[in-house]
Amino acid sequence: MNFDKIRKNCRVIRIVVGLALIITGVVTGNAWFYLGVLPLVAGLTNFCPLCIITKKCSLK
Protein backbone atom coordinates (compact mmCIF):
# COMPACT_ATOMS: atom_id res chain seq x y z
CA MET A 1 0.00 0.00 0.00
CA ASN A 2 1.29 3.44 -0.89
CA PHE A 3 1.21 5.42 2.35
CA ASP A 4 2.68 8.56 0.76
CA LYS A 5 -0.57 9.30 -1.07
CA ILE A 6 -2.56 8.61 2.09
CA ARG A 7 -0.37 10.99 4.11
CA LYS A 8 -0.89 13.79 1.61
CA ASN A 9 -4.66 13.45 1.66
CA CYS A 10 -5.15 12.25 5.24
CA ARG A 11 -6.36 15.57 6.61
CA VAL A 12 -8.82 16.14 3.79
CA ILE A 13 -10.15 12.58 4.08
CA ARG A 14 -10.74 12.99 7.83
CA ILE A 15 -12.64 16.26 7.30
CA VAL A 16 -14.80 14.81 4.50
CA VAL A 17 -15.58 11.64 6.46
CA GLY A 18 -16.43 13.65 9.56
CA LEU A 19 -18.78 15.96 7.67
CA ALA A 20 -20.40 13.02 5.87
CA LEU A 21 -21.08 11.24 9.15
CA ILE A 22 -22.52 14.35 10.78
CA ILE A 23 -24.77 15.08 7.79
CA THR A 24 -25.95 11.47 7.78
CA GLY A 25 -26.76 11.78 11.47
CA VAL A 26 -28.78 14.94 10.90
CA VAL A 27 -30.70 13.46 7.97
CA THR A 28 -31.44 10.07 9.56
CA GLY A 29 -31.81 11.28 13.14
CA ASN A 30 -29.44 8.56 14.34
CA ALA A 31 -27.25 10.00 17.11
CA TRP A 32 -24.42 7.50 16.50
CA PHE A 33 -23.43 9.36 13.36
CA TYR A 34 -22.58 12.41 15.45
CA LEU A 35 -19.35 10.59 16.26
CA GLY A 36 -18.26 12.16 12.97
CA VAL A 37 -17.17 15.06 15.16
CA LEU A 38 -14.06 13.05 16.07
CA PRO A 39 -12.56 12.75 12.56
CA LEU A 40 -13.71 16.30 11.79
CA VAL A 41 -11.84 17.75 14.77
CA ALA A 42 -8.84 15.52 13.99
CA GLY A 43 -8.78 16.87 10.45
CA LEU A 44 -9.22 20.50 11.43
CA THR A 45 -6.51 20.38 14.10
CA ASN A 46 -4.23 18.10 12.05
CA PHE A 47 -3.99 15.70 14.98
CA CYS A 48 -4.49 12.03 14.22
CA PRO A 49 -4.33 9.61 17.15
CA LEU A 50 -4.36 6.63 14.77
CA CYS A 51 -1.28 7.95 12.95
CA ILE A 52 0.56 8.32 16.24
CA ILE A 53 -0.38 4.83 17.42
CA THR A 54 0.44 3.04 14.15
CA LYS A 55 3.38 5.29 13.24
CA LYS A 56 2.32 5.00 9.58
CA CYS A 57 1.77 8.73 9.09
CA SER A 58 4.26 11.45 9.72
CA LEU A 59 2.51 14.54 10.99
CA LYS A 60 4.62 17.65 11.25
C-alpha atoms as a PDB file:
ATOM      1  CA  MET A   1       0.000   0.000   0.000  1.00  0.00           C
ATOM      2  CA  ASN A   2       1.293   3.442  -0.886  1.00  0.00           C
ATOM      3  CA  PHE A   3       1.215   5.421   2.352  1.00  0.00           C
ATOM      4  CA  ASP A   4       2.679   8.561   0.757  1.00  0.00           C
ATOM      5  CA  LYS A   5      -0.574   9.297  -1.068  1.00  0.00           C
ATOM      6  CA  ILE A   6      -2.562   8.608   2.091  1.00  0.00           C
ATOM      7  CA  ARG A   7      -0.372  10.989   4.112  1.00  0.00           C
ATOM      8  CA  LYS A   8      -0.889  13.795   1.608  1.00  0.00           C
ATOM      9  CA  ASN A   9      -4.660  13.449   1.663  1.00  0.00           C
ATOM     10  CA  CYS A  10      -5.154  12.248   5.244  1.00  0.00           C
ATOM     11  CA  ARG A  11      -6.360  15.567   6.613  1.00  0.00           C
ATOM     12  CA  VAL A  12      -8.825  16.137   3.785  1.00  0.00           C
ATOM     13  CA  ILE A  13     -10.145  12.578   4.083  1.00  0.00           C
ATOM     14  CA  ARG A  14     -10.742  12.994   7.833  1.00  0.00           C
ATOM     15  CA  ILE A  15     -12.639  16.260   7.299  1.00  0.00           C
ATOM     16  CA  VAL A  16     -14.797  14.814   4.503  1.00  0.00           C
ATOM     17  CA  VAL A  17     -15.583  11.637   6.459  1.00  0.00           C
ATOM     18  CA  GLY A  18     -16.432  13.652   9.561  1.00  0.00           C
ATOM     19  CA  LEU A  19     -18.779  15.959   7.671  1.00  0.00           C
ATOM     20  CA  ALA A  20     -20.405  13.024   5.866  1.00  0.00           C
ATOM     21  CA  LEU A  21     -21.080  11.242   9.149  1.00  0.00           C
ATOM     22  CA  ILE A  22     -22.520  14.353  10.776  1.00  0.00           C
ATOM     23  CA  ILE A  23     -24.770  15.081   7.788  1.00  0.00           C
ATOM     24  CA  THR A  24     -25.947  11.466   7.777  1.00  0.00           C
ATOM     25  CA  GLY A  25     -26.763  11.777  11.467  1.00  0.00           C
ATOM     26  CA  VAL A  26     -28.780  14.943  10.897  1.00  0.00           C
ATOM     27  CA  VAL A  27     -30.702  13.455   7.969  1.00  0.00           C
ATOM     28  CA  THR A  28     -31.437  10.072   9.563  1.00  0.00           C
ATOM     29  CA  GLY A  29     -31.811  11.284  13.139  1.00  0.00           C
ATOM     30  CA  ASN A  30     -29.443   8.562  14.339  1.00  0.00           C
ATOM     31  CA  ALA A  31     -27.252  10.003  17.109  1.00  0.00           C
ATOM     32  CA  TRP A  32     -24.423   7.505  16.501  1.00  0.00           C
ATOM     33  CA  PHE A  33     -23.426   9.364  13.356  1.00  0.00           C
ATOM     34  CA  TYR A  34     -22.577  12.413  15.451  1.00  0.00           C
ATOM     35  CA  LEU A  35     -19.350  10.589  16.258  1.00  0.00           C
ATOM     36  CA  GLY A  36     -18.258  12.156  12.974  1.00  0.00           C
ATOM     37  CA  VAL A  37     -17.169  15.064  15.158  1.00  0.00           C
ATOM     38  CA  LEU A  38     -14.056  13.048  16.071  1.00  0.00           C
ATOM     39  CA  PRO A  39     -12.562  12.751  12.564  1.00  0.00           C
ATOM     40  CA  LEU A  40     -13.710  16.299  11.786  1.00  0.00           C
ATOM     41  CA  VAL A  41     -11.837  17.750  14.767  1.00  0.00           C
ATOM     42  CA  ALA A  42      -8.842  15.518  13.995  1.00  0.00           C
ATOM     43  CA  GLY A  43      -8.777  16.871  10.454  1.00  0.00           C
ATOM     44  CA  LEU A  44      -9.217  20.499  11.430  1.00  0.00           C
ATOM     45  CA  THR A  45      -6.515  20.377  14.096  1.00  0.00           C
ATOM     46  CA  ASN A  46      -4.229  18.105  12.050  1.00  0.00           C
ATOM     47  CA  PHE A  47      -3.993  15.704  14.980  1.00  0.00           C
ATOM     48  CA  CYS A  48      -4.494  12.029  14.221  1.00  0.00           C
ATOM     49  CA  PRO A  49      -4.332   9.605  17.149  1.00  0.00           C
ATOM     50  CA  LEU A  50      -4.359   6.633  14.771  1.00  0.00           C
ATOM     51  CA  CYS A  51      -1.284   7.953  12.948  1.00  0.00           C
ATOM     52  CA  ILE A  52       0.561   8.322  16.235  1.00  0.00           C
ATOM     53  CA  ILE A  53      -0.377   4.830  17.422  1.00  0.00           C
ATOM     54  CA  THR A  54       0.437   3.040  14.147  1.00  0.00           C
ATOM     55  CA  LYS A  55       3.378   5.291  13.242  1.00  0.00           C
ATOM     56  CA  LYS A  56       2.316   4.995   9.582  1.00  0.00           C
ATOM     57  CA  CYS A  57       1.775   8.726   9.090  1.00  0.00           C
ATOM     58  CA  SER A  58       4.261  11.446   9.723  1.00  0.00           C
ATOM     59  CA  LEU A  59       2.508  14.542  10.991  1.00  0.00           C
ATOM     60  CA  LYS A  60       4.618  17.647  11.248  1.00  0.00           C
END
